């Protein structure tokens, strides 16, 4: 049985001839699932196609220490067994 891991994925996408960088903390079973989630989130939020989202494989990092995670919700899910969701600021 696989365990859920936390990944930090950085990349950029093009919109109106500008490069817009992004970084996302994602909880997934594998790198492929994490990438699929990032493509889905960025495409949905910014209305861009997958072919304009660029992610270098060197910019995919598995996070083993929950203290490195900056997203409060992802950090809570990664570090605690109690799954109460904190409010974002």
N, C-alpha and C. Protein backbone atom coordinates (compact mmCIF):
# COMPACT_ATOMS: atom_id res chain seq x y z
N UNK A 1 0.83 -1.18 0.00
CA UNK A 1 0.00 0.00 0.00
C UNK A 1 0.88 1.25 0.00
N UNK A 2 0.57 2.19 -0.83
CA UNK A 2 1.37 3.41 -0.96
C UNK A 2 0.96 4.43 0.08
N UNK A 3 1.92 5.26 0.43
CA UNK A 3 1.62 6.35 1.35
C UNK A 3 1.63 7.67 0.59
N UNK A 4 0.88 8.61 1.10
CA UNK A 4 0.78 9.92 0.46
C UNK A 4 2.03 10.72 0.79
N UNK A 5 2.60 11.35 -0.24
CA UNK A 5 3.80 12.15 -0.09
C UNK A 5 3.48 13.61 -0.44
N UNK A 6 4.33 14.50 0.00
CA UNK A 6 4.17 15.92 -0.32
C UNK A 6 5.25 16.32 -1.31
N UNK A 7 4.84 17.02 -2.37
CA UNK A 7 5.76 17.48 -3.40
C UNK A 7 5.68 18.99 -3.52
N UNK A 8 6.82 19.63 -3.79
CA UNK A 8 6.85 21.04 -4.13
C UNK A 8 7.22 21.12 -5.60
N UNK A 9 6.30 21.65 -6.39
CA UNK A 9 6.49 21.72 -7.85
C UNK A 9 6.52 23.18 -8.25
N UNK A 10 7.62 23.56 -8.92
CA UNK A 10 7.76 24.92 -9.42
C UNK A 10 7.79 24.90 -10.94
N UNK A 11 7.32 25.96 -11.54
CA UNK A 11 7.32 26.07 -12.99
C UNK A 11 6.86 27.45 -13.41
N UNK A 12 6.46 27.54 -14.66
CA UNK A 12 5.95 28.81 -15.18
C UNK A 12 4.97 28.52 -16.30
N UNK A 13 4.11 29.48 -16.55
CA UNK A 13 3.20 29.36 -17.69
C UNK A 13 3.17 30.70 -18.41
N UNK A 14 2.81 30.62 -19.68
CA UNK A 14 2.77 31.82 -20.51
C UNK A 14 1.32 32.26 -20.66
N UNK A 15 1.12 33.56 -20.46
CA UNK A 15 -0.20 34.15 -20.66
C UNK A 15 -0.01 35.56 -21.16
N UNK A 16 -0.56 35.83 -22.32
CA UNK A 16 -0.44 37.14 -22.96
C UNK A 16 1.02 37.56 -23.12
N UNK A 17 1.83 36.65 -23.62
CA UNK A 17 3.24 36.87 -23.92
C UNK A 17 4.08 37.18 -22.68
N UNK A 18 3.60 36.81 -21.50
CA UNK A 18 4.36 36.99 -20.27
C UNK A 18 4.58 35.63 -19.63
N UNK A 19 5.71 35.46 -18.98
CA UNK A 19 5.99 34.25 -18.23
C UNK A 19 5.62 34.50 -16.77
N UNK A 20 4.75 33.66 -16.24
CA UNK A 20 4.29 33.82 -14.87
C UNK A 20 4.77 32.61 -14.07
N UNK A 21 5.67 32.82 -13.10
CA UNK A 21 6.17 31.70 -12.30
C UNK A 21 5.15 31.27 -11.24
N UNK A 22 5.23 30.00 -10.84
CA UNK A 22 4.37 29.51 -9.78
C UNK A 22 5.11 28.44 -8.98
N UNK A 23 4.62 28.18 -7.81
CA UNK A 23 5.10 27.10 -6.94
C UNK A 23 3.92 26.53 -6.18
N UNK A 24 3.77 25.22 -6.17
CA UNK A 24 2.64 24.58 -5.51
C UNK A 24 3.12 23.44 -4.63
N UNK A 25 2.52 23.32 -3.46
CA UNK A 25 2.71 22.16 -2.59
C UNK A 25 1.52 21.24 -2.83
N UNK A 26 1.81 20.00 -3.20
CA UNK A 26 0.78 19.04 -3.57
C UNK A 26 0.97 17.75 -2.78
N UNK A 27 -0.12 17.17 -2.28
CA UNK A 27 -0.08 15.86 -1.64
C UNK A 27 -0.60 14.85 -2.65
N UNK A 28 0.21 13.83 -2.95
CA UNK A 28 -0.17 12.82 -3.94
C UNK A 28 0.58 11.52 -3.67
N UNK A 29 0.13 10.45 -4.31
CA UNK A 29 0.77 9.15 -4.16
C UNK A 29 2.04 9.03 -4.99
N UNK A 30 2.10 9.75 -6.13
CA UNK A 30 3.25 9.66 -7.01
C UNK A 30 3.50 11.01 -7.68
N UNK A 31 4.65 11.11 -8.32
CA UNK A 31 4.99 12.35 -9.02
C UNK A 31 4.02 12.60 -10.17
N UNK A 32 3.62 11.54 -10.87
CA UNK A 32 2.70 11.69 -12.00
C UNK A 32 1.35 12.26 -11.54
N UNK A 33 0.85 11.77 -10.41
CA UNK A 33 -0.40 12.30 -9.88
C UNK A 33 -0.26 13.75 -9.43
N UNK A 34 0.89 14.08 -8.87
CA UNK A 34 1.14 15.47 -8.44
C UNK A 34 1.18 16.40 -9.65
N UNK A 35 1.84 15.97 -10.72
CA UNK A 35 1.89 16.79 -11.93
C UNK A 35 0.50 16.98 -12.54
N UNK A 36 -0.27 15.92 -12.56
CA UNK A 36 -1.64 16.00 -13.09
C UNK A 36 -2.45 17.02 -12.29
N UNK A 37 -2.29 17.01 -10.97
CA UNK A 37 -3.01 17.95 -10.11
C UNK A 37 -2.57 19.39 -10.38
N UNK A 38 -1.27 19.61 -10.57
CA UNK A 38 -0.77 20.96 -10.86
C UNK A 38 -1.31 21.46 -12.20
N UNK A 39 -1.27 20.61 -13.22
CA UNK A 39 -1.82 21.00 -14.52
C UNK A 39 -3.30 21.36 -14.39
N UNK A 40 -4.02 20.58 -13.64
CA UNK A 40 -5.44 20.82 -13.44
C UNK A 40 -5.69 22.13 -12.70
N UNK A 41 -4.95 22.37 -11.61
CA UNK A 41 -5.14 23.58 -10.82
C UNK A 41 -4.79 24.85 -11.60
N UNK A 42 -3.62 24.84 -12.23
CA UNK A 42 -3.18 26.03 -12.97
C UNK A 42 -4.10 26.29 -14.16
N UNK A 43 -4.45 25.25 -14.89
CA UNK A 43 -5.34 25.41 -16.04
C UNK A 43 -6.70 25.93 -15.64
N UNK A 44 -7.22 25.44 -14.53
CA UNK A 44 -8.53 25.86 -14.07
C UNK A 44 -8.52 27.30 -13.55
N UNK A 45 -7.51 27.62 -12.77
CA UNK A 45 -7.47 28.95 -12.14
C UNK A 45 -7.12 30.06 -13.14
N UNK A 46 -6.19 29.78 -14.06
CA UNK A 46 -5.70 30.83 -14.95
C UNK A 46 -6.16 30.68 -16.39
N UNK A 47 -6.98 29.65 -16.66
CA UNK A 47 -7.56 29.43 -18.00
C UNK A 47 -6.48 29.30 -19.07
N UNK A 48 -5.46 28.48 -18.79
CA UNK A 48 -4.42 28.22 -19.77
C UNK A 48 -4.40 26.72 -20.10
N UNK A 49 -3.95 26.41 -21.30
CA UNK A 49 -3.84 25.02 -21.73
C UNK A 49 -2.57 24.39 -21.17
N UNK A 50 -2.55 23.07 -21.17
CA UNK A 50 -1.39 22.35 -20.63
C UNK A 50 -0.12 22.60 -21.42
N UNK A 51 -0.24 22.89 -22.71
CA UNK A 51 0.96 23.06 -23.52
C UNK A 51 1.67 24.40 -23.28
N UNK A 52 1.10 25.28 -22.46
CA UNK A 52 1.80 26.53 -22.11
C UNK A 52 2.28 26.52 -20.66
N UNK A 53 2.12 25.38 -19.97
CA UNK A 53 2.62 25.22 -18.61
C UNK A 53 3.93 24.45 -18.69
N UNK A 54 5.02 25.05 -18.21
CA UNK A 54 6.35 24.45 -18.29
C UNK A 54 6.84 24.08 -16.89
N UNK A 55 7.13 22.79 -16.70
CA UNK A 55 7.66 22.31 -15.43
C UNK A 55 8.92 21.52 -15.73
N UNK A 56 10.04 21.98 -15.20
CA UNK A 56 11.31 21.28 -15.37
C UNK A 56 11.36 20.14 -14.35
N UNK A 57 11.72 18.93 -14.75
CA UNK A 57 11.79 17.82 -13.79
C UNK A 57 12.72 18.10 -12.60
N UNK A 58 13.71 18.98 -12.77
CA UNK A 58 14.59 19.33 -11.66
C UNK A 58 13.87 20.15 -10.59
N UNK A 59 12.74 20.76 -10.96
CA UNK A 59 12.00 21.60 -10.03
C UNK A 59 10.89 20.86 -9.29
N UNK A 60 10.91 19.53 -9.35
CA UNK A 60 9.96 18.71 -8.60
C UNK A 60 10.73 18.13 -7.41
N UNK A 61 10.30 18.49 -6.21
CA UNK A 61 11.03 18.08 -5.01
C UNK A 61 10.08 17.42 -4.02
N UNK A 62 10.47 16.26 -3.53
CA UNK A 62 9.68 15.60 -2.50
C UNK A 62 10.06 16.19 -1.15
N UNK A 63 9.07 16.59 -0.38
CA UNK A 63 9.29 17.19 0.92
C UNK A 63 9.12 16.10 1.98
N UNK A 64 10.17 15.88 2.77
CA UNK A 64 10.08 14.87 3.83
C UNK A 64 9.87 15.51 5.19
N UNK A 65 10.32 16.74 5.36
CA UNK A 65 10.16 17.45 6.63
C UNK A 65 8.96 18.40 6.53
N UNK A 66 7.90 18.18 7.30
CA UNK A 66 6.73 19.06 7.20
C UNK A 66 7.01 20.51 7.55
N UNK A 67 8.10 20.80 8.24
CA UNK A 67 8.42 22.18 8.61
C UNK A 67 8.81 23.02 7.39
N UNK A 68 9.20 22.38 6.29
CA UNK A 68 9.57 23.10 5.07
C UNK A 68 8.36 23.59 4.28
N UNK A 69 7.18 23.07 4.57
CA UNK A 69 5.98 23.40 3.81
C UNK A 69 5.45 24.75 4.27
N UNK A 70 5.18 25.64 3.30
CA UNK A 70 4.72 26.99 3.62
C UNK A 70 3.19 27.12 3.55
N UNK A 71 2.51 26.23 2.84
CA UNK A 71 1.06 26.25 2.75
C UNK A 71 0.48 25.63 4.02
N UNK A 72 -0.32 26.39 4.76
CA UNK A 72 -0.81 25.97 6.07
C UNK A 72 -1.68 24.71 5.98
N UNK A 73 -2.55 24.64 5.00
CA UNK A 73 -3.45 23.49 4.88
C UNK A 73 -2.67 22.23 4.55
N UNK A 74 -1.76 22.31 3.58
CA UNK A 74 -0.96 21.14 3.20
C UNK A 74 -0.07 20.73 4.37
N UNK A 75 0.48 21.69 5.07
CA UNK A 75 1.34 21.39 6.22
C UNK A 75 0.56 20.65 7.31
N UNK A 76 -0.68 21.04 7.55
CA UNK A 76 -1.50 20.38 8.55
C UNK A 76 -1.78 18.93 8.16
N UNK A 77 -2.13 18.70 6.91
CA UNK A 77 -2.39 17.35 6.45
C UNK A 77 -1.13 16.50 6.46
N UNK A 78 0.01 17.10 6.24
CA UNK A 78 1.27 16.35 6.19
C UNK A 78 1.79 16.01 7.58
N UNK A 79 1.47 16.82 8.57
CA UNK A 79 2.11 16.64 9.87
C UNK A 79 1.22 16.05 10.95
N UNK A 80 -0.09 16.17 10.85
CA UNK A 80 -0.96 15.75 11.93
C UNK A 80 -1.89 14.62 11.50
N UNK A 81 -2.28 13.84 12.46
CA UNK A 81 -3.29 12.81 12.22
C UNK A 81 -4.69 13.38 12.33
N UNK A 82 -4.83 14.47 13.08
CA UNK A 82 -6.12 15.14 13.21
C UNK A 82 -6.35 15.93 11.93
N UNK A 83 -7.41 15.64 11.20
CA UNK A 83 -7.61 16.24 9.89
C UNK A 83 -8.54 17.45 9.90
N UNK A 84 -8.50 18.22 10.97
CA UNK A 84 -9.27 19.47 10.97
C UNK A 84 -8.53 20.48 10.10
N UNK A 85 -9.28 21.17 9.28
CA UNK A 85 -8.68 22.10 8.32
C UNK A 85 -8.59 23.50 8.94
N UNK A 86 -7.37 24.07 9.01
CA UNK A 86 -7.24 25.44 9.54
C UNK A 86 -7.69 26.47 8.51
N UNK A 87 -8.04 27.63 8.98
CA UNK A 87 -8.45 28.69 8.07
C UNK A 87 -7.21 29.40 7.54
N UNK A 88 -7.24 29.72 6.24
CA UNK A 88 -6.15 30.46 5.63
C UNK A 88 -6.29 31.92 5.97
N UNK A 89 -5.15 32.61 6.02
CA UNK A 89 -5.17 34.03 6.35
C UNK A 89 -5.39 34.88 5.14
